[in-house]
Amino acid sequence: MIGPGKAVKESTSAPPAPLTAGRLLAAIVFGLMFGFLLQKGGVGKYNVLVGQLLLQDFTVAKVMLTAIVVGMVGIFALHHFAKVNLHLHPTKLAAQTLGGLIFGAGFALIAYCPGTGAVALGQGSWDVLFGMAGLVAGSFLYAELSGWLKQTVETWGNHGKLMLPDLLHIPRAIFVPAFALLLLAVLFWLDRAGGHR
């Protein structure tokens, strides 16, 4: 049911789309909508983010799990009907583990990630500027080290294009709805267990 569409292919590289005024306007509108929804969901508030890190408020986890379910079902359904291509990033265990640890350490130190930080800045939380400065410095450092990283860390544990259904040898038509139901069950449990704002 949710297999690859016949008219599309899986690829790791996409031809660059021309930047038009319409595409730029759409990006601005969707970006503003995304930021608005994050702010209304409460994930730009320092106390909510700290509550998630202390496992006392699961608002952030619920927002993220909801986004994963909607995104996963939507993308695979669109791919099945040949409306989108899948552009998979390679699974590079060392690089992604190290990146996740650095990201997590930054999140733990300032209680903001780049997305929630932008929302917090938009609602007037000036403390996030320290995190934004760190983000710029980290991006500069990564750019300076990118050549060395590509030859070393990014080659360790490189498994190529890999998705969970492929790793588990489960057809996507079975995996996607089953995993969506599992995540919905976790969402229901989190909602019943407490941790409300």
Protein backbone atom coordinates (compact mmCIF):
# COMPACT_ATOMS: atom_id res chain seq x y z
CA MET A 1 0.00 0.00 0.00
CA ILE A 2 2.73 2.50 0.86
CA GLY A 3 5.49 1.32 -1.43
CA PRO A 4 7.59 3.53 -3.67
CA GLY A 5 5.65 5.29 -6.40
CA LYS A 6 6.40 4.10 -9.94
CA ALA A 7 6.88 7.58 -11.35
CA VAL A 8 9.48 8.68 -8.80
CA LYS A 9 12.86 7.45 -7.69
CA GLU A 10 14.78 7.45 -4.44
CA SER A 11 17.76 9.75 -4.50
CA THR A 12 20.24 11.42 -2.18
CA SER A 13 20.63 14.46 -4.40
CA ALA A 14 18.01 16.72 -5.85
CA PRO A 15 18.50 19.15 -8.70
CA PRO A 16 18.41 22.67 -7.31
CA ALA A 17 15.04 24.28 -7.87
CA PRO A 18 15.11 27.84 -9.19
CA LEU A 19 14.32 30.45 -6.54
CA THR A 20 11.28 32.37 -7.66
CA ALA A 21 9.27 35.07 -5.91
CA GLY A 22 6.42 32.58 -5.45
CA ARG A 23 8.67 29.98 -3.82
CA LEU A 24 10.23 32.60 -1.57
CA LEU A 25 6.81 33.90 -0.52
CA ALA A 26 5.61 30.35 0.17
CA ALA A 27 8.70 29.70 2.31
CA ILE A 28 8.05 32.88 4.33
CA VAL A 29 4.36 32.05 4.82
CA PHE A 30 5.00 28.43 5.85
CA GLY A 31 7.87 29.52 8.10
CA LEU A 32 5.65 32.05 9.86
CA MET A 33 2.88 29.45 10.23
CA PHE A 34 5.35 26.92 11.65
CA GLY A 35 6.73 29.44 14.13
CA PHE A 36 3.22 30.54 15.12
CA LEU A 37 2.16 26.94 15.78
CA LEU A 38 5.31 26.23 17.80
CA GLN A 39 4.68 29.34 19.88
CA LYS A 40 1.01 28.46 20.44
CA GLY A 41 2.10 24.93 21.40
CA GLY A 42 4.29 26.42 24.10
CA VAL A 43 7.60 25.00 22.92
CA GLY A 44 9.27 28.40 22.81
CA LYS A 45 8.87 28.88 26.57
CA TYR A 46 11.93 28.36 28.74
CA ASN A 47 10.00 26.69 31.57
CA VAL A 48 8.35 24.20 29.19
CA LEU A 49 11.70 23.26 27.62
CA VAL A 50 13.40 22.89 31.01
CA GLY A 51 10.41 20.83 32.16
CA GLN A 52 10.99 18.45 29.24
CA LEU A 53 14.68 18.10 30.11
CA LEU A 54 13.73 17.32 33.72
CA LEU A 55 11.01 14.87 32.53
CA GLN A 56 8.33 16.92 34.26
CA ASP A 57 6.55 18.43 31.22
CA PHE A 58 6.14 16.37 28.05
CA THR A 59 4.76 19.12 25.82
CA VAL A 60 7.86 19.10 23.59
CA ALA A 61 7.83 15.30 23.24
CA LYS A 62 4.14 15.36 22.32
CA VAL A 63 4.66 18.07 19.69
CA MET A 64 7.61 16.18 18.19
CA LEU A 65 5.86 12.81 18.15
CA THR A 66 2.81 14.38 16.50
CA ALA A 67 5.04 15.94 13.84
CA ILE A 68 6.78 12.59 13.22
CA VAL A 69 3.47 10.74 12.77
CA VAL A 70 1.97 13.38 10.45
CA GLY A 71 5.20 13.78 8.48
CA MET A 72 5.87 10.05 8.13
CA VAL A 73 2.34 9.15 7.00
CA GLY A 74 2.16 12.19 4.71
CA ILE A 75 5.54 11.72 3.03
CA PHE A 76 5.14 8.00 2.43
CA ALA A 77 1.56 8.44 1.16
CA LEU A 78 2.69 11.19 -1.25
CA HIS A 79 5.61 9.00 -2.35
CA HIS A 80 3.27 6.07 -2.96
CA PHE A 81 1.13 8.22 -5.25
CA ALA A 82 4.22 9.55 -7.09
CA LYS A 83 3.85 13.11 -5.82
CA VAL A 84 7.27 13.43 -4.13
CA ASN A 85 10.72 11.87 -4.30
CA LEU A 86 12.47 10.51 -1.25
CA HIS A 87 15.84 12.23 -0.75
CA LEU A 88 17.53 10.08 1.86
CA HIS A 89 20.57 11.24 3.79
CA PRO A 90 23.18 8.53 4.40
CA THR A 91 23.28 6.90 7.81
CA LYS A 92 26.67 7.83 9.28
CA LEU A 93 26.67 6.47 12.82
CA ALA A 94 29.75 8.25 14.20
CA ALA A 95 28.94 11.66 12.72
CA GLN A 96 25.27 11.53 13.66
CA THR A 97 25.96 10.24 17.18
CA LEU A 98 28.60 12.93 17.77
CA GLY A 99 26.33 15.60 16.29
CA GLY A 100 23.44 14.44 18.47
CA LEU A 101 25.58 14.59 21.60
CA ILE A 102 26.79 18.12 20.78
CA PHE A 103 23.22 19.19 19.99
CA GLY A 104 21.97 17.63 23.25
CA ALA A 105 24.70 19.31 25.29
CA GLY A 106 23.80 22.70 23.81
CA PHE A 107 20.11 22.06 24.43
CA ALA A 108 20.83 21.10 28.05
CA LEU A 109 22.96 24.21 28.61
CA ILE A 110 20.54 26.83 27.28
CA ALA A 111 17.22 24.89 27.07
CA TYR A 112 16.68 25.96 23.45
CA CYS A 113 17.30 24.27 20.12
CA PRO A 114 17.56 26.30 16.88
CA GLY A 115 13.83 26.07 16.11
CA THR A 116 12.55 26.78 19.61
CA GLY A 117 15.24 29.43 19.98
CA ALA A 118 13.90 31.30 16.94
CA VAL A 119 10.39 31.10 18.38
CA ALA A 120 11.62 32.32 21.77
CA LEU A 121 13.44 35.24 20.15
CA GLY A 122 10.29 36.13 18.23
CA GLN A 123 8.31 36.31 21.47
CA GLY A 124 10.91 38.53 23.13
CA SER A 125 13.05 36.06 25.12
CA TRP A 126 16.38 37.83 24.77
CA ASP A 127 18.31 35.17 26.72
CA VAL A 128 18.27 33.02 23.58
CA LEU A 129 20.72 35.42 21.92
CA PHE A 130 23.54 33.61 23.76
CA GLY A 131 22.41 30.37 22.12
CA MET A 132 22.18 32.05 18.72
CA ALA A 133 25.76 33.29 19.13
CA GLY A 134 26.82 29.72 19.93
CA LEU A 135 24.94 28.46 16.88
CA VAL A 136 26.79 30.90 14.60
CA ALA A 137 30.15 30.03 16.21
CA GLY A 138 29.44 26.30 15.92
CA SER A 139 28.43 26.65 12.27
CA PHE A 140 31.66 28.53 11.54
CA LEU A 141 33.72 25.87 13.34
CA TYR A 142 31.96 23.07 11.45
CA ALA A 143 32.57 24.82 8.12
CA GLU A 144 36.27 25.19 8.96
CA LEU A 145 36.56 21.50 9.93
CA SER A 146 34.24 20.09 7.25
CA GLY A 147 37.03 18.92 4.95
CA TRP A 148 38.75 16.95 7.73
CA LEU A 149 35.42 15.62 9.05
CA LYS A 150 34.41 14.30 5.62
CA GLN A 151 37.63 12.28 5.42
CA THR A 152 37.49 10.96 9.00
CA VAL A 153 34.40 11.03 11.23
CA GLU A 154 31.88 10.91 8.38
CA THR A 155 33.41 7.67 7.08
CA TRP A 156 33.07 5.83 10.41
CA GLY A 157 29.93 3.69 10.42
CA ASN A 158 28.71 4.87 7.03
CA HIS A 159 25.80 2.59 6.09
CA GLY A 160 24.52 4.55 3.09
CA LYS A 161 20.82 5.20 2.52
CA LEU A 162 19.00 3.29 5.24
CA MET A 163 15.50 3.46 6.69
CA LEU A 164 14.00 1.56 9.64
CA PRO A 165 11.71 -0.59 7.45
CA ASP A 166 14.74 -1.68 5.39
CA LEU A 167 16.85 -2.32 8.49
CA LEU A 168 14.10 -4.44 10.06
CA HIS A 169 13.19 -6.10 6.73
CA ILE A 170 9.54 -5.05 7.08
CA PRO A 171 7.60 -3.83 4.04
CA ARG A 172 6.80 -0.11 4.25
CA ALA A 173 3.09 -0.86 3.80
CA ILE A 174 3.20 -2.69 7.15
CA PHE A 175 5.85 -0.64 8.96
CA VAL A 176 4.42 2.86 8.42
CA PRO A 177 0.91 2.25 9.83
CA ALA A 178 2.25 0.00 12.61
CA PHE A 179 4.88 2.55 13.68
CA ALA A 180 2.32 5.37 13.46
CA LEU A 181 0.00 3.41 15.78
CA LEU A 182 2.88 2.76 18.18
CA LEU A 183 3.74 6.47 18.31
CA LEU A 184 0.07 7.37 18.81
CA ALA A 185 -0.04 4.92 21.73
CA VAL A 186 3.02 6.63 23.24
CA LEU A 187 1.33 10.02 22.75
CA PHE A 188 -1.81 8.76 24.47
CA TRP A 189 0.26 7.39 27.36
CA LEU A 190 2.18 10.66 27.73
CA ASP A 191 -1.08 12.58 27.79
CA ARG A 192 -2.57 10.27 30.42
CA ALA A 193 0.64 10.13 32.49
CA GLY A 194 0.63 13.87 33.06
CA GLY A 195 3.28 16.43 32.33
CA HIS A 196 0.82 19.06 31.09
CA ARG A 197 1.62 22.74 30.87
